[in-house]
Protein backbone atom coordinates (compact mmCIF):
# COMPACT_ATOMS: atom_id res chain seq x y z
CA MET A 1 6.53 2.62 -13.20
CA LEU A 2 5.73 -0.55 -11.25
CA ILE A 3 8.93 -0.14 -9.21
CA ALA A 4 8.01 3.47 -8.42
CA PHE A 5 4.60 2.34 -7.21
CA ILE A 6 6.14 -0.26 -4.88
CA VAL A 7 8.54 2.31 -3.39
CA LEU A 8 5.68 4.78 -2.95
CA TYR A 9 3.53 2.11 -1.32
CA LEU A 10 6.20 1.19 1.24
CA ALA A 11 6.79 4.89 1.98
CA LEU A 12 3.07 5.50 2.57
CA THR A 13 2.96 2.49 4.90
CA LEU A 14 5.73 3.99 7.03
CA MET A 15 3.93 7.34 7.06
CA VAL A 16 0.79 5.65 8.36
CA GLY A 17 2.85 4.07 11.13
CA TRP A 18 4.30 7.45 12.06
CA TRP A 19 0.84 9.02 12.14
CA ALA A 20 -0.53 6.17 14.26
CA SER A 21 2.37 6.50 16.72
CA ARG A 22 0.94 9.83 17.90
CA LYS A 23 -2.01 7.93 19.39
CA VAL A 24 0.21 5.57 21.39
CA LYS A 25 0.53 6.86 24.97
CA THR A 26 0.03 3.68 27.01
CA THR A 27 0.49 -0.08 26.68
CA ALA A 28 -3.26 -0.38 26.06
CA ASP A 29 -2.87 1.97 23.09
CA PHE A 30 0.07 -0.06 21.78
CA VAL A 31 -1.48 -3.50 22.33
CA VAL A 32 -5.22 -3.05 21.72
CA ALA A 33 -5.48 0.45 20.15
CA GLY A 34 -7.03 1.83 23.33
CA LYS A 35 -10.02 -0.53 22.85
CA SER A 36 -11.60 2.00 20.50
CA LEU A 37 -11.93 0.32 17.08
CA ARG A 38 -15.32 0.27 15.37
CA THR A 39 -16.80 -2.54 13.27
CA PRO A 40 -15.46 -1.64 9.76
CA VAL A 41 -11.85 -1.17 10.90
CA LEU A 42 -11.91 -4.20 13.20
CA ALA A 43 -13.56 -6.46 10.59
CA ALA A 44 -10.87 -5.44 8.08
CA GLY A 45 -8.19 -6.27 10.64
CA LEU A 46 -9.63 -9.70 11.40
CA PHE A 47 -9.94 -10.42 7.69
CA ALA A 48 -6.31 -9.40 7.18
CA THR A 49 -5.04 -11.67 9.99
CA TRP A 50 -4.06 -14.56 7.67
CA PHE A 51 -4.72 -13.12 4.22
CA GLY A 52 -1.06 -13.31 3.26
CA SER A 53 1.30 -15.33 1.12
CA GLU A 54 -0.50 -18.63 1.72
CA THR A 55 -3.89 -17.29 0.63
CA VAL A 56 -2.64 -15.58 -2.53
CA MET A 57 0.19 -17.94 -3.48
CA GLY A 58 -0.09 -21.21 -1.53
CA ALA A 59 -3.85 -21.84 -1.50
CA PRO A 60 -4.31 -21.41 -5.30
CA SER A 61 -1.61 -24.05 -5.95
CA GLU A 62 -3.38 -26.48 -3.59
CA PHE A 63 -6.73 -25.70 -5.23
CA ILE A 64 -5.35 -26.25 -8.74
CA GLU A 65 -3.80 -29.56 -7.74
CA HIS A 66 -6.47 -31.02 -5.43
CA GLY A 67 -9.66 -29.13 -6.30
CA LEU A 68 -12.03 -27.84 -3.65
CA GLN A 69 -10.72 -30.44 -1.18
CA GLY A 70 -7.43 -28.54 -1.17
CA ALA A 71 -9.16 -25.34 0.00
CA MET A 72 -10.66 -26.67 3.24
CA GLU A 73 -7.87 -25.31 5.43
CA ASP A 74 -7.70 -21.96 3.68
CA PRO A 75 -10.04 -20.14 3.12
CA PHE A 76 -12.83 -22.32 4.59
CA GLY A 77 -11.08 -23.18 7.87
CA ALA A 78 -9.89 -19.62 8.41
CA ALA A 79 -13.38 -18.22 7.85
CA LEU A 80 -14.79 -20.83 10.26
CA CYS A 81 -12.31 -19.69 12.93
CA LEU A 82 -13.50 -16.08 12.80
CA VAL A 83 -17.17 -17.09 12.91
CA LEU A 84 -16.54 -19.36 15.93
CA VAL A 85 -14.62 -16.57 17.67
CA GLY A 86 -17.63 -14.28 17.28
CA LEU A 87 -20.14 -16.97 18.21
CA ILE A 88 -18.44 -18.46 21.29
CA TYR A 89 -15.27 -16.73 22.46
CA ALA A 90 -15.29 -12.99 21.72
CA ARG A 91 -17.87 -11.85 24.27
CA PRO A 92 -16.63 -13.70 27.42
CA LEU A 93 -12.98 -12.90 26.70
CA TYR A 94 -13.64 -9.23 25.89
CA LYS A 95 -15.42 -8.71 29.20
CA MET A 96 -12.32 -9.83 31.13
CA ASN A 97 -10.42 -6.70 30.09
CA ILE A 98 -7.10 -8.53 29.52
CA LEU A 99 -4.28 -7.93 27.03
CA THR A 100 -3.24 -11.47 26.05
CA PHE A 101 -4.57 -15.02 25.95
CA ASN A 102 -1.91 -15.89 28.49
CA ASP A 103 -3.49 -13.43 30.94
CA PHE A 104 -6.57 -15.64 30.74
CA TYR A 105 -4.52 -18.76 31.54
CA ARG A 106 -3.07 -16.96 34.59
CA MET A 107 -6.49 -15.82 35.82
CA ARG A 108 -8.06 -19.24 35.29
CA PHE A 109 -5.25 -21.66 36.12
CA GLY A 110 -2.39 -19.75 37.80
CA ARG A 111 1.02 -18.26 37.05
CA LEU A 112 2.68 -21.49 35.85
CA SER A 113 0.02 -21.97 33.16
CA GLU A 114 0.61 -18.41 31.99
CA ILE A 115 4.34 -18.96 31.58
CA VAL A 116 4.08 -22.41 29.96
CA SER A 117 1.48 -21.19 27.46
CA ALA A 118 3.59 -18.13 26.62
CA VAL A 119 6.70 -20.27 26.11
CA PHE A 120 4.72 -22.42 23.66
CA MET A 121 3.04 -19.49 21.92
CA VAL A 122 5.91 -17.06 21.20
CA PRO A 123 8.19 -19.33 19.11
CA SER A 124 5.23 -20.58 17.06
CA TYR A 125 5.11 -17.18 15.35
CA PHE A 126 8.74 -17.07 14.20
CA GLY A 127 8.27 -19.46 11.27
CA TRP A 128 5.01 -17.78 10.28
CA ILE A 129 6.63 -14.32 10.17
CA ALA A 130 9.68 -15.68 8.33
CA ALA A 131 7.39 -17.22 5.69
CA GLN A 132 5.80 -13.83 5.02
CA LEU A 133 9.21 -12.16 4.70
CA VAL A 134 10.40 -14.82 2.25
CA ALA A 135 7.17 -14.57 0.25
CA MET A 136 7.44 -10.80 -0.05
CA ALA A 137 11.08 -11.09 -1.11
CA VAL A 138 10.15 -13.71 -3.73
CA VAL A 139 7.56 -11.30 -5.14
CA LEU A 140 10.08 -8.44 -5.29
CA LYS A 141 12.57 -10.74 -7.02
CA ALA A 142 9.96 -11.67 -9.63
CA ILE A 143 9.06 -8.02 -10.23
CA ILE A 144 12.42 -6.25 -10.24
CA GLY A 145 15.03 -9.00 -9.91
CA LEU A 146 16.03 -7.95 -6.39
CA PRO A 147 18.13 -10.64 -4.64
CA LEU A 148 16.19 -12.50 -1.97
CA VAL A 149 18.42 -11.36 0.89
CA TYR A 150 17.89 -7.67 0.09
CA GLY A 151 14.17 -8.21 -0.43
CA ILE A 152 13.85 -9.92 2.96
CA LEU A 153 15.76 -7.11 4.68
CA ILE A 154 13.69 -4.36 3.02
CA CYS A 155 10.38 -6.02 3.85
CA CYS A 156 11.54 -6.75 7.39
CA LEU A 157 12.55 -3.13 7.92
CA ALA A 158 9.26 -1.75 6.60
CA ALA A 159 7.14 -4.07 8.76
CA VAL A 160 9.13 -3.63 11.96
CA ILE A 161 9.32 0.18 11.78
CA TYR A 162 5.61 0.87 11.63
CA THR A 163 4.78 -1.94 14.06
CA TYR A 164 7.41 -0.66 16.53
CA ILE A 165 6.24 2.94 16.53
CA GLY A 166 2.49 2.50 16.09
CA GLY A 167 1.61 -0.90 17.60
CA MET A 168 -2.00 -1.99 17.14
CA TRP A 169 -3.00 1.49 16.01
CA ALA A 170 -0.63 1.23 13.05
CA VAL A 171 -1.62 -2.39 12.36
CA ALA A 172 -5.36 -1.58 12.47
CA ILE A 173 -5.20 1.47 10.24
CA THR A 174 -2.89 -0.10 7.66
CA ASP A 175 -5.04 -3.26 7.72
CA PHE A 176 -8.08 -1.15 6.84
CA VAL A 177 -6.31 0.59 3.95
CA GLN A 178 -4.68 -2.62 2.77
CA THR A 179 -8.01 -4.47 2.84
CA ILE A 180 -9.37 -1.94 0.37
CA MET A 181 -6.36 -2.60 -1.87
CA ILE A 182 -6.80 -6.37 -1.55
CA VAL A 183 -10.52 -6.33 -2.36
CA LEU A 184 -10.07 -3.95 -5.30
CA GLY A 185 -7.07 -5.75 -6.77
CA MET A 186 -8.48 -9.28 -6.41
CA ALA A 187 -11.96 -8.32 -7.65
CA VAL A 188 -10.68 -6.59 -10.80
CA LEU A 189 -8.30 -9.44 -11.63
CA ALA A 190 -10.96 -12.09 -10.98
CA ILE A 191 -13.44 -10.37 -13.32
CA ILE A 192 -10.84 -9.97 -16.07
CA MET A 193 -9.73 -13.60 -15.83
CA TYR A 194 -13.29 -14.88 -15.76
CA ILE A 195 -14.12 -12.96 -18.95
CA ARG A 196 -10.93 -14.11 -20.67
CA VAL A 197 -11.49 -17.77 -19.85
CA GLY A 198 -15.00 -17.69 -21.33
CA GLY A 199 -17.28 -18.21 -18.32
CA ILE A 200 -18.25 -20.97 -15.91
CA SER A 201 -19.05 -23.57 -18.60
CA VAL A 202 -15.49 -23.43 -19.94
CA ILE A 203 -14.10 -23.77 -16.41
CA GLN A 204 -16.30 -26.78 -15.63
CA ASN A 205 -15.33 -28.50 -18.89
CA SER A 206 -11.62 -27.95 -18.18
CA VAL A 207 -11.46 -29.69 -14.79
CA PRO A 208 -12.19 -33.27 -13.60
CA ASP A 209 -15.78 -34.10 -12.63
CA ASP A 210 -14.96 -34.24 -8.91
CA PHE A 211 -12.92 -31.00 -8.90
CA PHE A 212 -15.62 -28.99 -7.05
CA GLN A 213 -16.59 -31.85 -4.72
CA PHE A 214 -17.09 -30.32 -1.27
CA PHE A 215 -17.19 -33.49 0.86
CA PRO A 216 -14.56 -36.27 0.74
CA ASP A 217 -15.04 -39.73 -0.71
CA ARG A 218 -16.33 -42.43 1.60
CA GLY A 219 -13.80 -43.94 3.99
CA PHE A 220 -12.70 -43.29 7.56
CA MET A 221 -9.24 -41.88 6.73
CA ASN A 222 -10.64 -39.60 4.04
CA TRP A 223 -12.95 -38.01 6.60
CA VAL A 224 -10.19 -37.78 9.22
CA HIS A 225 -7.92 -35.84 6.85
CA TYR A 226 -10.85 -33.70 5.73
CA LEU A 227 -11.84 -32.71 9.28
CA ALA A 228 -8.19 -32.20 10.25
CA ALA A 229 -7.85 -29.68 7.41
CA TRP A 230 -10.83 -27.74 8.74
CA ALA A 231 -9.54 -27.91 12.32
CA THR A 232 -5.96 -26.76 11.68
CA ILE A 233 -6.93 -23.10 11.32
CA GLY A 234 -10.63 -23.39 12.13
CA LEU A 235 -9.94 -24.44 15.74
CA GLY A 236 -6.18 -24.06 16.06
CA SER A 237 -6.16 -20.32 15.39
CA ILE A 238 -8.81 -19.53 17.99
CA PRO A 239 -6.24 -19.40 20.84
CA GLN A 240 -3.74 -17.30 18.86
CA GLN A 241 -2.73 -13.88 20.10
CA ASP A 242 -3.02 -12.08 16.75
CA VAL A 243 -6.75 -12.90 16.51
CA PHE A 244 -7.36 -12.21 20.20
CA GLN A 245 -5.51 -8.89 20.10
CA ARG A 246 -7.69 -7.61 17.30
CA VAL A 247 -10.89 -8.75 19.06
CA MET A 248 -9.82 -6.97 22.26
CA SER A 249 -9.28 -3.75 20.29
CA ALA A 250 -13.04 -3.41 19.75
CA LYS A 251 -14.95 -0.48 21.19
CA ASN A 252 -17.27 -2.87 23.03
CA ALA A 253 -18.24 -6.56 23.16
CA LYS A 254 -21.00 -6.13 20.58
CA VAL A 255 -18.51 -4.68 18.08
CA ALA A 256 -16.08 -7.56 18.81
CA VAL A 257 -18.76 -10.15 17.99
CA ARG A 258 -20.12 -8.35 14.93
CA ALA A 259 -16.66 -7.69 13.48
CA SER A 260 -15.70 -11.36 13.89
CA TYR A 261 -18.71 -12.41 11.81
CA TRP A 262 -17.98 -9.83 9.12
CA GLY A 263 -14.30 -10.78 9.11
CA GLY A 264 -15.24 -14.41 8.46
CA ILE A 265 -17.62 -13.48 5.65
CA LEU A 266 -14.96 -11.24 4.06
CA TYR A 267 -12.30 -13.90 4.33
CA LEU A 268 -14.39 -16.59 2.66
CA SER A 269 -15.63 -14.36 -0.17
CA ILE A 270 -12.38 -12.54 -0.93
CA GLY A 271 -10.24 -15.61 -0.12
CA PHE A 272 -11.99 -17.59 -2.84
CA MET A 273 -10.95 -15.07 -5.50
CA PRO A 274 -7.24 -16.09 -5.69
CA LEU A 275 -8.36 -19.71 -6.09
CA MET A 276 -10.50 -18.93 -9.12
CA ILE A 277 -7.87 -16.58 -10.55
CA GLY A 278 -5.28 -19.37 -10.29
CA LEU A 279 -7.64 -21.88 -11.93
CA CYS A 280 -8.36 -19.51 -14.81
CA GLY A 281 -4.61 -18.96 -15.16
CA ARG A 282 -4.02 -22.69 -15.42
CA ILE A 283 -6.60 -22.96 -18.20
CA LEU A 284 -5.37 -19.92 -20.14
CA TYR A 285 -1.62 -20.30 -19.62
CA PRO A 286 -0.86 -23.99 -19.00
CA GLU A 287 2.86 -23.37 -19.64
CA LEU A 288 3.05 -21.60 -16.26
CA MET A 289 2.34 -24.93 -14.55
CA GLU A 290 5.83 -26.12 -15.52
CA GLY A 291 7.44 -23.79 -12.99
CA ASP A 292 6.68 -23.07 -9.33
CA VAL A 293 2.88 -23.39 -9.08
CA GLN A 294 2.85 -21.02 -6.09
CA MET A 295 4.07 -18.27 -8.44
CA ILE A 296 1.37 -18.83 -11.06
CA LEU A 297 -0.56 -15.67 -10.15
CA PRO A 298 2.45 -13.29 -10.04
CA GLU A 299 3.96 -14.79 -13.22
CA MET A 300 0.64 -14.62 -15.03
CA VAL A 301 0.15 -10.94 -14.19
CA LEU A 302 3.74 -10.04 -15.11
CA ARG A 303 3.60 -11.81 -18.47
CA HIS A 304 0.07 -11.09 -19.58
CA GLY A 305 -1.24 -8.12 -17.59
CA ASN A 306 -1.03 -4.43 -18.47
CA LEU A 307 0.55 -1.87 -16.14
CA LEU A 308 -2.72 -0.99 -14.36
CA LEU A 309 -3.45 -4.66 -13.71
CA GLN A 310 0.09 -5.20 -12.40
CA ILE A 311 -0.22 -2.25 -10.03
CA LEU A 312 -3.58 -3.47 -8.72
CA PHE A 313 -2.44 -7.07 -8.28
CA PHE A 314 0.96 -6.45 -6.72
CA GLY A 315 -0.49 -3.69 -4.56
CA ALA A 316 -3.02 -6.23 -3.28
CA LEU A 317 -0.37 -8.92 -2.80
CA LEU A 318 2.06 -6.68 -0.92
CA SER A 319 -0.85 -5.36 1.15
CA ALA A 320 -1.90 -8.88 2.09
CA ILE A 321 1.58 -9.97 3.13
CA LEU A 322 2.39 -6.77 5.04
CA SER A 323 -0.91 -6.96 6.95
CA THR A 324 -0.20 -10.53 8.03
CA THR A 325 3.42 -9.77 8.90
CA SER A 326 2.71 -6.74 11.09
CA GLY A 327 0.01 -8.48 13.12
CA ALA A 328 2.18 -11.59 13.49
CA ILE A 329 5.11 -9.50 14.80
CA LEU A 330 2.99 -7.60 17.31
CA ALA A 331 1.28 -10.68 18.80
CA PRO A 332 4.29 -12.55 20.27
CA SER A 333 5.95 -9.26 21.21
CA THR A 334 2.96 -8.46 23.41
CA VAL A 335 3.06 -11.92 25.01
CA MET A 336 6.80 -11.59 25.68
CA GLY A 337 6.41 -8.28 27.44
CA GLU A 338 3.20 -9.01 29.33
CA ASN A 339 3.63 -12.68 30.27
CA LEU A 340 7.34 -13.58 30.15
CA ILE A 341 9.04 -10.38 31.33
CA LYS A 342 6.51 -8.46 33.44
CA PRO A 343 6.01 -11.25 36.05
CA PHE A 344 9.70 -10.99 36.98
CA LEU A 345 9.73 -7.19 37.38
CA LYS A 346 8.84 -5.39 40.58
CA ALA A 347 5.88 -3.05 39.95
CA PRO A 348 6.92 -1.83 36.49
CA THR A 349 5.37 1.42 35.31
CA ASP A 350 3.21 1.56 32.20
CA HIS A 351 5.95 3.54 30.45
CA THR A 352 8.47 0.78 31.23
CA MET A 353 6.13 -1.91 29.86
CA LEU A 354 5.54 0.08 26.67
CA ARG A 355 9.30 0.30 26.13
CA ILE A 356 9.72 -3.44 26.82
CA MET A 357 7.02 -4.36 24.31
CA ARG A 358 8.63 -2.19 21.65
CA TRP A 359 11.99 -3.85 22.24
CA SER A 360 10.21 -7.20 22.06
CA VAL A 361 9.04 -6.25 18.56
CA ILE A 362 12.68 -5.95 17.52
CA PHE A 363 13.63 -9.24 19.22
CA VAL A 364 10.80 -11.19 17.55
CA THR A 365 11.69 -9.69 14.17
CA ILE A 366 15.38 -10.63 14.54
CA CYS A 367 14.48 -14.24 15.43
CA SER A 368 12.14 -14.46 12.46
CA LEU A 369 14.73 -12.86 10.19
CA ALA A 370 17.27 -15.51 11.21
CA MET A 371 14.85 -18.20 10.02
CA ALA A 372 14.09 -16.38 6.76
CA LEU A 373 17.67 -15.62 5.61
CA PRO A 374 19.07 -19.14 4.92
CA GLU A 375 19.09 -19.86 1.18
CA ASP A 376 17.13 -23.10 1.61
CA ALA A 377 14.29 -21.43 3.56
CA SER A 378 10.96 -22.35 1.95
CA ILE A 379 7.57 -20.75 2.51
CA PHE A 380 5.85 -24.12 2.82
CA ASP A 381 8.30 -25.54 5.38
CA LEU A 382 8.29 -22.38 7.49
CA VAL A 383 4.51 -22.29 7.64
CA SER A 384 4.09 -26.03 8.26
CA ASP A 385 6.60 -25.89 11.12
CA SER A 386 4.51 -23.23 12.87
CA SER A 387 1.04 -24.64 12.16
CA ALA A 388 -1.14 -26.85 14.40
CA LEU A 389 0.87 -25.93 17.53
CA SER A 390 -1.84 -23.83 19.17
CA LEU A 391 -4.48 -26.46 18.42
CA VAL A 392 -2.69 -29.29 20.23
CA ALA A 393 -1.33 -27.19 23.11
CA LEU A 394 -3.66 -24.25 23.80
CA PHE A 395 -7.15 -24.82 22.40
CA ILE A 396 -8.33 -27.36 24.98
CA PRO A 397 -7.11 -25.39 28.07
CA LEU A 398 -8.84 -22.27 26.69
CA THR A 399 -12.16 -23.98 25.97
CA ALA A 400 -12.18 -26.08 29.13
CA GLY A 401 -11.18 -23.06 31.20
CA LEU A 402 -14.15 -21.10 29.92
CA PHE A 403 -16.82 -23.78 29.97
CA TRP A 404 -15.78 -26.61 32.37
CA LYS A 405 -15.87 -25.70 36.05
CA LYS A 406 -13.78 -28.73 37.11
CA ALA A 407 -10.82 -27.84 34.87
CA SER A 408 -7.77 -27.37 37.11
CA GLY A 409 -4.31 -25.86 36.81
CA ALA A 410 -2.74 -29.33 36.78
CA GLY A 411 -5.12 -30.33 33.99
CA ALA A 412 -4.17 -27.27 31.94
CA ILE A 413 -0.42 -27.93 32.25
CA ALA A 414 -0.89 -31.64 31.48
CA SER A 415 -3.03 -30.74 28.46
CA MET A 416 -0.44 -28.34 27.04
CA ILE A 417 2.54 -30.64 27.53
CA ALA A 418 0.81 -33.87 26.48
CA GLY A 419 -0.58 -32.33 23.32
CA MET A 420 2.79 -30.82 22.39
CA VAL A 421 4.81 -33.99 23.09
CA VAL A 422 2.49 -36.33 21.20
CA TRP A 423 2.25 -33.93 18.24
CA ILE A 424 6.05 -33.61 17.99
CA PHE A 425 6.43 -37.40 18.25
CA CYS A 426 3.89 -38.08 15.49
CA GLU A 427 5.07 -35.21 13.28
CA TYR A 428 8.84 -35.62 13.40
CA ILE A 429 9.87 -38.86 15.17
CA ARG A 430 7.41 -41.53 14.08
CA PRO A 431 4.90 -40.19 11.53
CA THR A 432 1.58 -42.01 11.33
CA GLU A 433 -1.12 -42.31 8.69
CA LEU A 434 -3.25 -40.06 10.86
CA PRO A 435 -2.59 -36.29 10.68
CA SER A 436 -0.31 -35.58 13.66
CA LEU A 437 -2.70 -33.01 15.09
CA VAL A 438 -5.34 -35.73 15.66
CA PRO A 439 -3.34 -37.74 18.25
CA GLY A 440 -1.96 -34.45 19.56
CA LEU A 441 -5.44 -33.07 20.15
CA GLY A 442 -6.53 -36.37 21.71
CA ALA A 443 -3.59 -36.26 24.11
CA SER A 444 -4.44 -32.68 25.02
CA ILE A 445 -8.03 -33.63 25.86
CA LEU A 446 -6.89 -36.66 27.88
CA GLY A 447 -4.30 -34.57 29.75
CA MET A 448 -6.94 -32.01 30.72
CA ILE A 449 -9.39 -34.67 32.00
CA LEU A 450 -6.87 -36.79 33.90
CA GLY A 451 -4.97 -33.84 35.35
CA SER A 452 -8.17 -32.19 36.56
CA PHE A 453 -9.48 -35.33 38.25
CA ILE A 454 -6.14 -36.44 39.70
CA LYS A 455 -5.28 -33.00 41.08
CA PRO A 456 -8.41 -30.84 41.43
CA ASP A 457 -8.20 -27.30 42.81
CA ASP A 458 -10.29 -24.23 43.56
CA SER A 459 -9.11 -22.32 40.49
CA TYR A 460 -12.63 -21.77 39.13
CA PRO A 461 -14.01 -19.84 42.15
CA ARG A 462 -10.82 -17.77 42.22
CA PHE A 463 -11.22 -17.15 38.49
CA LEU A 464 -14.77 -15.84 39.03
CA GLU A 465 -13.45 -13.50 41.73
CA LEU A 466 -10.66 -12.17 39.53
CA ARG A 467 -13.03 -11.75 36.57
CA ALA A 468 -15.42 -9.73 38.72
CA GLN A 469 -12.56 -7.51 39.89
CA THR A 470 -11.35 -7.05 36.32
CA LYS A 471 -14.83 -6.02 35.13
CA ALA A 472 -15.13 -3.54 38.01
CA SER A 473 -11.81 -1.93 37.13
């Protein structure tokens, strides 16, 4: 029965993609759903941006092992990102009427900044997508014993088909439906586990005294690691295309801002449920801690849940991973078509660009699939390899470009390259006690300041001109 439900669920997902494809007539339809999404659908999409394998499988294991301190990056940092997007970035970016973040870098700093930022951005998604494919295959293996390779291929095929044909329309509509599944499944399971464990007093008596400590212990390095955990997603995901693309799909700027706030609230409230479910599971079934802690929720439901509970949970889990995967595939595909291919074509038609973006979906999926298929591919390694990149390379040029008039094209390029080089050096060549994103972010800030003062330009007045023209059109 559970297998039949999974097959039916994947079939319905493909049907939604086919239905959504009828709305796709232009690149704007494919990339930003014709800028027509209302608050409920858009808020669900923003919530679903990262609510994938890490939130349901990775974050609970960190929470069980490290307490509340292990949850700063996810869900707290992710919720912070969406709130900051609504508070600071959504309105000015929406009014520019652009398709990608890299369009902003071109308008503000010039063509070279557009290309460099796109070259940095596109590969950062491959590991993230691969992690979702591996996670979904691991779940299918746990449920029905399907070999990982076949599970990865099936999940890859399902995600790429409805993303290819329906674009943002398919992503937005399936995100809305899948969010309902996620909320329902997680809420029911959380209530059942809370009742079984015996209430909050039992939970508090079963964990160390500092388990729910929100702030770190005194000490400089403790605070550095704490703030770095908040910043990884909280700031680093602000200049990511998957978030931006959803914001730009709003019906108007007010909807973009409001949906960002609601997305953050949803993410924090629903994202905390898997953490508590995992903690209750550790208390009730300590033998599950002997295996892979990331699989504690799936194993717990398979061993101790009835059929209805299994359907609700695995429906929610597959929904979460598929939502994240589809948005993550569409984002770099859009950047490839708009910012890496279009500049080298001579007056391409809208129909040509739509075809290019769809082929880019296939290319991005193949690259991600290549990273997911090796037998030693791990969810943690794939995600960690793709994290922090946008923070050290793209966050400072975006923020300075919006709010610092003296920021120049040379400063933007220096910021991107310096942040990337220092981060790679500290992450892979000579690791330091500091989180590598801290010196990387510092180098990015320094590169922006020095580059802008050493080689100033008139990019800001030109940016104001272009922005005015874009608004008029």
